[in-house]
Amino acid sequence: MSLLRADGHDVTALTLPGLDSVDTDRSTITLSDHVDAICDAVNAAEAPVVLAVHSGAGFSGYAASDRVPEQIAAMVYVDTGPGKGAPDAEFEGVELPMPSREKLAAEENLDGLSDEQLETFERRAVPEPGGVLRHEHNFADDRRLDIPSTVICTGFTSEQYKDAAEKGYAFLAGLAELRNVSWVDLPTSHWPMWSRPQELAAVIGDVARRA
């Protein structure tokens, strides 16, 4: 955020419902709550925004672009994509905690992250509400399809992303319908805001200037 602000951009960072503290009650929070929070922030802006989302927020971010397409000048998907359907329809728990570092390394790219950063990440990690994983958004406004969208590929290459989209992964399902998609390869971890923050800020800043 500080890098983008130093470059002259007005930046709002959202903490989505249920992700503020490990002590928060996540039992009733759904995907709609996350979409509502994003839409409220977008509507509060003085002009159409560049909405940047990361990881699982690709689902709620894409849903928000369906709800308020006129308020979004561009979408940026950071190591994620425009998700459709439920992130994990079979999940039954109240919340999904962050996995152990060993399991995390098997599931995600940790390239460029120091031990100190990983320790900080583990200390700050907050579980994902189960309702966010189980529920899905019903899309209705095709204006979202014309929003310029940039996919920043960090943990995997753009070619791997395109291949995964063709195989039908839910978190990339919207790519097949979007009409204006740009791809940026930024090889690093799944958390480029930690491992390559300057480069990530530069890409997002470029998108904002074009928008």
C-alpha atoms as a PDB file:
ATOM      1  CA  MET A   1       0.000   0.000   0.000  1.00  0.00           C
ATOM      2  CA  SER A   2       2.730   2.454   0.963  1.00  0.00           C
ATOM      3  CA  LEU A   3       4.474   2.005  -2.390  1.00  0.00           C
ATOM      4  CA  LEU A   4       1.290   2.775  -4.309  1.00  0.00           C
ATOM      5  CA  ARG A   5       0.511   5.769  -2.109  1.00  0.00           C
ATOM      6  CA  ALA A   6       4.043   7.071  -2.581  1.00  0.00           C
ATOM      7  CA  ASP A   7       3.385   6.883  -6.314  1.00  0.00           C
ATOM      8  CA  GLY A   8       0.345   9.116  -5.917  1.00  0.00           C
ATOM      9  CA  HIS A   9      -2.454   6.556  -5.790  1.00  0.00           C
ATOM     10  CA  ASP A  10      -5.367   6.661  -3.349  1.00  0.00           C
ATOM     11  CA  VAL A  11      -5.403   3.185  -1.780  1.00  0.00           C
ATOM     12  CA  THR A  12      -7.973   1.496   0.445  1.00  0.00           C
ATOM     13  CA  ALA A  13      -7.094  -1.866   1.981  1.00  0.00           C
ATOM     14  CA  LEU A  14     -10.052  -3.995   3.016  1.00  0.00           C
ATOM     15  CA  THR A  15     -10.248  -6.448   5.880  1.00  0.00           C
ATOM     16  CA  LEU A  16     -13.147  -8.660   4.870  1.00  0.00           C
ATOM     17  CA  PRO A  17     -15.711  -9.849   7.442  1.00  0.00           C
ATOM     18  CA  GLY A  18     -14.384 -12.544   9.723  1.00  0.00           C
ATOM     19  CA  LEU A  19     -10.753 -11.886   8.895  1.00  0.00           C
ATOM     20  CA  ASP A  20     -10.072  -9.197  11.475  1.00  0.00           C
ATOM     21  CA  SER A  21      -9.070 -11.445  14.374  1.00  0.00           C
ATOM     22  CA  VAL A  22      -8.598 -15.087  15.329  1.00  0.00           C
ATOM     23  CA  ASP A  23     -11.201 -14.479  18.057  1.00  0.00           C
ATOM     24  CA  THR A  24     -13.971 -13.365  15.669  1.00  0.00           C
ATOM     25  CA  ASP A  25     -17.096 -15.514  15.410  1.00  0.00           C
ATOM     26  CA  ARG A  26     -17.070 -16.779  11.811  1.00  0.00           C
ATOM     27  CA  SER A  27     -20.029 -19.148  12.101  1.00  0.00           C
ATOM     28  CA  THR A  28     -22.536 -16.985  10.199  1.00  0.00           C
ATOM     29  CA  ILE A  29     -20.301 -15.219   7.673  1.00  0.00           C
ATOM     30  CA  THR A  30     -20.928 -16.051   4.018  1.00  0.00           C
ATOM     31  CA  LEU A  31     -19.535 -15.151   0.626  1.00  0.00           C
ATOM     32  CA  SER A  32     -22.279 -12.528   0.300  1.00  0.00           C
ATOM     33  CA  ASP A  33     -20.876 -10.726   3.347  1.00  0.00           C
ATOM     34  CA  HIS A  34     -17.521 -10.455   1.619  1.00  0.00           C
ATOM     35  CA  VAL A  35     -19.117  -9.258  -1.607  1.00  0.00           C
ATOM     36  CA  ASP A  36     -21.172  -6.679   0.306  1.00  0.00           C
ATOM     37  CA  ALA A  37     -18.043  -5.349   2.031  1.00  0.00           C
ATOM     38  CA  ILE A  38     -16.221  -4.932  -1.279  1.00  0.00           C
ATOM     39  CA  CYS A  39     -19.217  -3.267  -2.938  1.00  0.00           C
ATOM     40  CA  ASP A  40     -19.628  -0.871  -0.013  1.00  0.00           C
ATOM     41  CA  ALA A  41     -15.993   0.207  -0.326  1.00  0.00           C
ATOM     42  CA  VAL A  42     -16.245   0.558  -4.097  1.00  0.00           C
ATOM     43  CA  ASN A  43     -19.418   2.629  -3.842  1.00  0.00           C
ATOM     44  CA  ALA A  44     -17.796   4.874  -1.242  1.00  0.00           C
ATOM     45  CA  ALA A  45     -15.075   5.912  -3.689  1.00  0.00           C
ATOM     46  CA  GLU A  46     -15.387   9.208  -5.526  1.00  0.00           C
ATOM     47  CA  ALA A  47     -14.725   7.607  -8.929  1.00  0.00           C
ATOM     48  CA  PRO A  48     -14.610   4.134 -10.493  1.00  0.00           C
ATOM     49  CA  VAL A  49     -11.867   2.105  -8.860  1.00  0.00           C
ATOM     50  CA  VAL A  50      -9.196  -0.412  -9.719  1.00  0.00           C
ATOM     51  CA  LEU A  51     -10.152  -3.441  -7.646  1.00  0.00           C
ATOM     52  CA  ALA A  52      -7.197  -5.693  -6.822  1.00  0.00           C
ATOM     53  CA  VAL A  53      -7.909  -9.104  -5.287  1.00  0.00           C
ATOM     54  CA  HIS A  54      -5.635 -11.913  -4.183  1.00  0.00           C
ATOM     55  CA  SER A  55      -6.016 -15.668  -3.732  1.00  0.00           C
ATOM     56  CA  GLY A  56      -9.490 -16.692  -2.497  1.00  0.00           C
ATOM     57  CA  ALA A  57     -10.790 -13.140  -2.865  1.00  0.00           C
ATOM     58  CA  GLY A  58     -10.941 -13.785  -6.600  1.00  0.00           C
ATOM     59  CA  PHE A  59     -14.423 -15.204  -5.987  1.00  0.00           C
ATOM     60  CA  SER A  60     -15.790 -12.269  -3.994  1.00  0.00           C
ATOM     61  CA  GLY A  61     -13.986  -9.753  -6.205  1.00  0.00           C
ATOM     62  CA  TYR A  62     -15.472 -11.134  -9.393  1.00  0.00           C
ATOM     63  CA  ALA A  63     -18.906 -11.236  -7.757  1.00  0.00           C
ATOM     64  CA  ALA A  64     -18.488  -7.572  -6.808  1.00  0.00           C
ATOM     65  CA  SER A  65     -17.729  -6.726 -10.436  1.00  0.00           C
ATOM     66  CA  ASP A  66     -21.096  -8.291 -11.280  1.00  0.00           C
ATOM     67  CA  ARG A  67     -22.865  -6.258  -8.613  1.00  0.00           C
ATOM     68  CA  VAL A  68     -21.347  -2.826  -9.325  1.00  0.00           C
ATOM     69  CA  PRO A  69     -19.677  -3.008 -12.764  1.00  0.00           C
ATOM     70  CA  GLU A  70     -20.200   0.696 -13.407  1.00  0.00           C
ATOM     71  CA  GLN A  71     -18.067   1.508 -10.369  1.00  0.00           C
ATOM     72  CA  ILE A  72     -15.052  -0.615 -11.382  1.00  0.00           C
ATOM     73  CA  ALA A  73     -12.609   0.794 -13.934  1.00  0.00           C
ATOM     74  CA  ALA A  74     -10.368  -2.281 -13.929  1.00  0.00           C
ATOM     75  CA  MET A  75      -9.840  -5.569 -12.120  1.00  0.00           C
ATOM     76  CA  VAL A  76      -6.478  -6.944 -11.007  1.00  0.00           C
ATOM     77  CA  TYR A  77      -6.241 -10.607 -10.018  1.00  0.00           C
ATOM     78  CA  VAL A  78      -3.061 -11.283  -8.043  1.00  0.00           C
ATOM     79  CA  ASP A  79      -2.174 -14.971  -8.337  1.00  0.00           C
ATOM     80  CA  THR A  80      -5.857 -15.795  -8.670  1.00  0.00           C
ATOM     81  CA  GLY A  81      -8.672 -15.360 -11.151  1.00  0.00           C
ATOM     82  CA  PRO A  82     -12.355 -14.526 -11.543  1.00  0.00           C
ATOM     83  CA  GLY A  83     -13.899 -17.363  -9.564  1.00  0.00           C
ATOM     84  CA  LYS A  84     -17.383 -18.765 -10.159  1.00  0.00           C
ATOM     85  CA  GLY A  85     -19.265 -21.332  -8.135  1.00  0.00           C
ATOM     86  CA  ALA A  86     -18.350 -22.173  -4.548  1.00  0.00           C
ATOM     87  CA  PRO A  87     -14.667 -22.114  -3.580  1.00  0.00           C
ATOM     88  CA  ASP A  88     -15.165 -25.409  -1.708  1.00  0.00           C
ATOM     89  CA  ALA A  89     -18.782 -26.581  -1.729  1.00  0.00           C
ATOM     90  CA  GLU A  90     -17.974 -29.699   0.311  1.00  0.00           C
ATOM     91  CA  PHE A  91     -16.339 -27.879   3.215  1.00  0.00           C
ATOM     92  CA  GLU A  92     -18.361 -28.460   6.392  1.00  0.00           C
ATOM     93  CA  GLY A  93     -16.449 -26.688   9.146  1.00  0.00           C
ATOM     94  CA  VAL A  94     -17.065 -23.306  10.752  1.00  0.00           C
ATOM     95  CA  GLU A  95     -13.669 -22.092   9.593  1.00  0.00           C
ATOM     96  CA  LEU A  96     -10.582 -23.213   7.713  1.00  0.00           C
ATOM     97  CA  PRO A  97      -7.327 -22.485   9.568  1.00  0.00           C
ATOM     98  CA  MET A  98      -4.074 -21.889   7.760  1.00  0.00           C
ATOM     99  CA  PRO A  99      -2.287 -25.219   7.203  1.00  0.00           C
ATOM    100  CA  SER A 100       1.089 -26.064   8.680  1.00  0.00           C
ATOM    101  CA  ARG A 101       4.115 -24.633   6.924  1.00  0.00           C
ATOM    102  CA  GLU A 102       4.911 -28.063   5.477  1.00  0.00           C
ATOM    103  CA  LYS A 103       1.436 -28.448   4.000  1.00  0.00           C
ATOM    104  CA  LEU A 104       1.455 -24.837   2.857  1.00  0.00           C
ATOM    105  CA  ALA A 105       4.711 -25.413   0.982  1.00  0.00           C
ATOM    106  CA  ALA A 106       3.143 -28.418  -0.736  1.00  0.00           C
ATOM    107  CA  GLU A 107       0.086 -26.393  -1.803  1.00  0.00           C
ATOM    108  CA  GLU A 108       1.495 -22.936  -2.576  1.00  0.00           C
ATOM    109  CA  ASN A 109       4.636 -21.383  -4.032  1.00  0.00           C
ATOM    110  CA  LEU A 110       6.756 -19.874  -1.221  1.00  0.00           C
ATOM    111  CA  ASP A 111       9.637 -18.691  -3.428  1.00  0.00           C
ATOM    112  CA  GLY A 112      11.269 -15.511  -2.188  1.00  0.00           C
ATOM    113  CA  LEU A 113       9.738 -15.587   1.293  1.00  0.00           C
ATOM    114  CA  SER A 114      12.182 -15.493   4.184  1.00  0.00           C
ATOM    115  CA  ASP A 115      11.794 -17.511   7.382  1.00  0.00           C
ATOM    116  CA  GLU A 116      11.086 -14.264   9.210  1.00  0.00           C
ATOM    117  CA  GLN A 117       8.291 -13.399   6.789  1.00  0.00           C
ATOM    118  CA  LEU A 118       6.790 -16.867   7.083  1.00  0.00           C
ATOM    119  CA  GLU A 119       6.897 -16.660  10.869  1.00  0.00           C
ATOM    120  CA  THR A 120       5.133 -13.294  10.744  1.00  0.00           C
ATOM    121  CA  PHE A 121       2.591 -14.728   8.331  1.00  0.00           C
ATOM    122  CA  GLU A 122       1.886 -17.666  10.640  1.00  0.00           C
ATOM    123  CA  ARG A 123       1.530 -15.342  13.625  1.00  0.00           C
ATOM    124  CA  ARG A 124      -0.958 -13.076  11.849  1.00  0.00           C
ATOM    125  CA  ALA A 125      -2.939 -15.740  10.001  1.00  0.00           C
ATOM    126  CA  VAL A 126      -6.718 -15.768  10.525  1.00  0.00           C
ATOM    127  CA  PRO A 127      -8.961 -18.713   9.498  1.00  0.00           C
ATOM    128  CA  GLU A 128     -11.270 -18.403   6.491  1.00  0.00           C
ATOM    129  CA  PRO A 129     -15.002 -18.521   7.348  1.00  0.00           C
ATOM    130  CA  GLY A 130     -16.539 -21.812   6.246  1.00  0.00           C
ATOM    131  CA  GLY A 131     -19.592 -20.076   4.798  1.00  0.00           C
ATOM    132  CA  VAL A 132     -17.380 -18.146   2.392  1.00  0.00           C
ATOM    133  CA  LEU A 133     -16.072 -21.431   1.032  1.00  0.00           C
ATOM    134  CA  ARG A 134     -19.455 -23.160   0.733  1.00  0.00           C
ATOM    135  CA  HIS A 135     -21.550 -20.452  -0.867  1.00  0.00           C
ATOM    136  CA  GLU A 136     -21.604 -19.004  -4.378  1.00  0.00           C
ATOM    137  CA  HIS A 137     -22.752 -15.871  -6.161  1.00  0.00           C
ATOM    138  CA  ASN A 138     -25.450 -15.885  -8.834  1.00  0.00           C
ATOM    139  CA  PHE A 139     -24.159 -13.758 -11.704  1.00  0.00           C
ATOM    140  CA  ALA A 140     -26.602 -11.477 -13.509  1.00  0.00           C
ATOM    141  CA  ASP A 141     -24.920  -8.417 -15.082  1.00  0.00           C
ATOM    142  CA  ASP A 142     -22.935  -9.035 -18.266  1.00  0.00           C
ATOM    143  CA  ARG A 143     -21.391  -5.570 -18.055  1.00  0.00           C
ATOM    144  CA  ARG A 144     -18.737  -7.179 -15.868  1.00  0.00           C
ATOM    145  CA  LEU A 145     -17.438  -9.001 -18.947  1.00  0.00           C
ATOM    146  CA  ASP A 146     -16.087  -5.784 -20.485  1.00  0.00           C
ATOM    147  CA  ILE A 147     -14.165  -4.591 -17.429  1.00  0.00           C
ATOM    148  CA  PRO A 148     -10.429  -4.588 -18.301  1.00  0.00           C
ATOM    149  CA  SER A 149      -8.902  -7.371 -16.228  1.00  0.00           C
ATOM    150  CA  THR A 150      -5.238  -8.083 -15.498  1.00  0.00           C
ATOM    151  CA  VAL A 151      -4.078 -11.438 -14.139  1.00  0.00           C
ATOM    152  CA  ILE A 152      -0.717 -11.200 -12.369  1.00  0.00           C
ATOM    153  CA  CYS A 153       0.758 -14.701 -12.366  1.00  0.00           C
ATOM    154  CA  THR A 154       3.235 -15.247  -9.537  1.00  0.00           C
ATOM    155  CA  GLY A 155       3.042 -18.747  -8.063  1.00  0.00           C
ATOM    156  CA  PHE A 156       2.406 -20.213 -11.523  1.00  0.00           C
ATOM    157  CA  THR A 157       3.106 -18.959 -15.021  1.00  0.00           C
ATOM    158  CA  SER A 158       0.465 -17.454 -17.276  1.00  0.00           C
ATOM    159  CA  GLU A 159       0.628 -20.543 -19.477  1.00  0.00           C
ATOM    160  CA  GLN A 160      -0.065 -22.750 -16.456  1.00  0.00           C
ATOM    161  CA  TYR A 161      -2.966 -20.505 -15.539  1.00  0.00           C
ATOM    162  CA  LYS A 162      -4.432 -20.692 -19.033  1.00  0.00           C
ATOM    163  CA  ASP A 163      -4.087 -24.469 -18.995  1.00  0.00           C
ATOM    164  CA  ALA A 164      -5.801 -24.677 -15.585  1.00  0.00           C
ATOM    165  CA  ALA A 165      -8.632 -22.469 -16.859  1.00  0.00           C
ATOM    166  CA  GLU A 166      -9.182 -24.816 -19.785  1.00  0.00           C
ATOM    167  CA  LYS A 167      -9.385 -27.726 -17.341  1.00  0.00           C
ATOM    168  CA  GLY A 168     -12.270 -26.040 -15.533  1.00  0.00           C
ATOM    169  CA  TYR A 169     -10.859 -24.933 -12.187  1.00  0.00           C
ATOM    170  CA  ALA A 170     -13.531 -22.919 -10.358  1.00  0.00           C
ATOM    171  CA  PHE A 171     -11.215 -20.108  -9.278  1.00  0.00           C
ATOM    172  CA  LEU A 172     -10.494 -19.367 -12.943  1.00  0.00           C
ATOM    173  CA  ALA A 173     -13.939 -20.082 -14.375  1.00  0.00           C
ATOM    174  CA  GLY A 174     -14.675 -16.479 -15.297  1.00  0.00           C
ATOM    175  CA  LEU A 175     -11.689 -16.225 -17.629  1.00  0.00           C
ATOM    176  CA  ALA A 176     -13.565 -17.997 -20.405  1.00  0.00           C
ATOM    177  CA  GLU A 177     -16.185 -15.246 -20.512  1.00  0.00           C
ATOM    178  CA  LEU A 178     -14.172 -12.071 -19.921  1.00  0.00           C
ATOM    179  CA  ARG A 179     -13.596 -10.020 -23.068  1.00  0.00           C
ATOM    180  CA  ASN A 180     -10.564  -7.954 -22.080  1.00  0.00           C
ATOM    181  CA  VAL A 181      -7.852  -9.881 -20.215  1.00  0.00           C
ATOM    182  CA  SER A 182      -4.158  -9.011 -19.914  1.00  0.00           C
ATOM    183  CA  TRP A 183      -1.520 -11.310 -18.467  1.00  0.00           C
ATOM    184  CA  VAL A 184       1.576 -10.404 -16.461  1.00  0.00           C
ATOM    185  CA  ASP A 185       4.174 -12.948 -15.366  1.00  0.00           C
ATOM    186  CA  LEU A 186       5.876 -12.034 -12.084  1.00  0.00           C
ATOM    187  CA  PRO A 187       7.659 -15.219 -10.944  1.00  0.00           C
ATOM    188  CA  THR A 188       7.713 -15.377  -7.154  1.00  0.00           C
ATOM    189  CA  SER A 189       5.612 -16.644  -4.257  1.00  0.00           C
ATOM    190  CA  HIS A 190       1.835 -16.767  -3.919  1.00  0.00           C
ATOM    191  CA  TRP A 191       2.286 -13.658  -1.742  1.00  0.00           C
ATOM    192  CA  PRO A 192       4.114 -11.208  -4.035  1.00  0.00           C
ATOM    193  CA  MET A 193       3.173  -8.320  -1.747  1.00  0.00           C
ATOM    194  CA  TRP A 194       5.818  -9.813   0.559  1.00  0.00           C
ATOM    195  CA  SER A 195       8.311 -11.364  -1.829  1.00  0.00           C
ATOM    196  CA  ARG A 196       8.296  -8.803  -4.698  1.00  0.00           C
ATOM    197  CA  PRO A 197       6.358  -5.771  -3.405  1.00  0.00           C
ATOM    198  CA  GLN A 198       7.995  -3.130  -5.618  1.00  0.00           C
ATOM    199  CA  GLU A 199       7.307  -5.031  -8.819  1.00  0.00           C
ATOM    200  CA  LEU A 200       3.736  -5.835  -7.791  1.00  0.00           C
ATOM    201  CA  ALA A 201       3.038  -2.196  -6.925  1.00  0.00           C
ATOM    202  CA  ALA A 202       4.478  -1.130 -10.279  1.00  0.00           C
ATOM    203  CA  VAL A 203       2.122  -3.434 -12.195  1.00  0.00           C
ATOM    204  CA  ILE A 204      -0.938  -2.333 -10.228  1.00  0.00           C
ATOM    205  CA  GLY A 205       0.104   1.288 -10.599  1.00  0.00           C
ATOM    206  CA  ASP A 206       0.374   0.878 -14.371  1.00  0.00           C
ATOM    207  CA  VAL A 207      -3.116  -0.608 -14.490  1.00  0.00           C
ATOM    208  CA  ALA A 208      -4.449   2.331 -12.466  1.00  0.00           C
ATOM    209  CA  ARG A 209      -2.841   4.877 -14.766  1.00  0.00           C
ATOM    210  CA  ARG A 210      -4.328   3.209 -17.846  1.00  0.00           C
ATOM    211  CA  ALA A 211      -7.739   3.005 -16.192  1.00  0.00           C
END
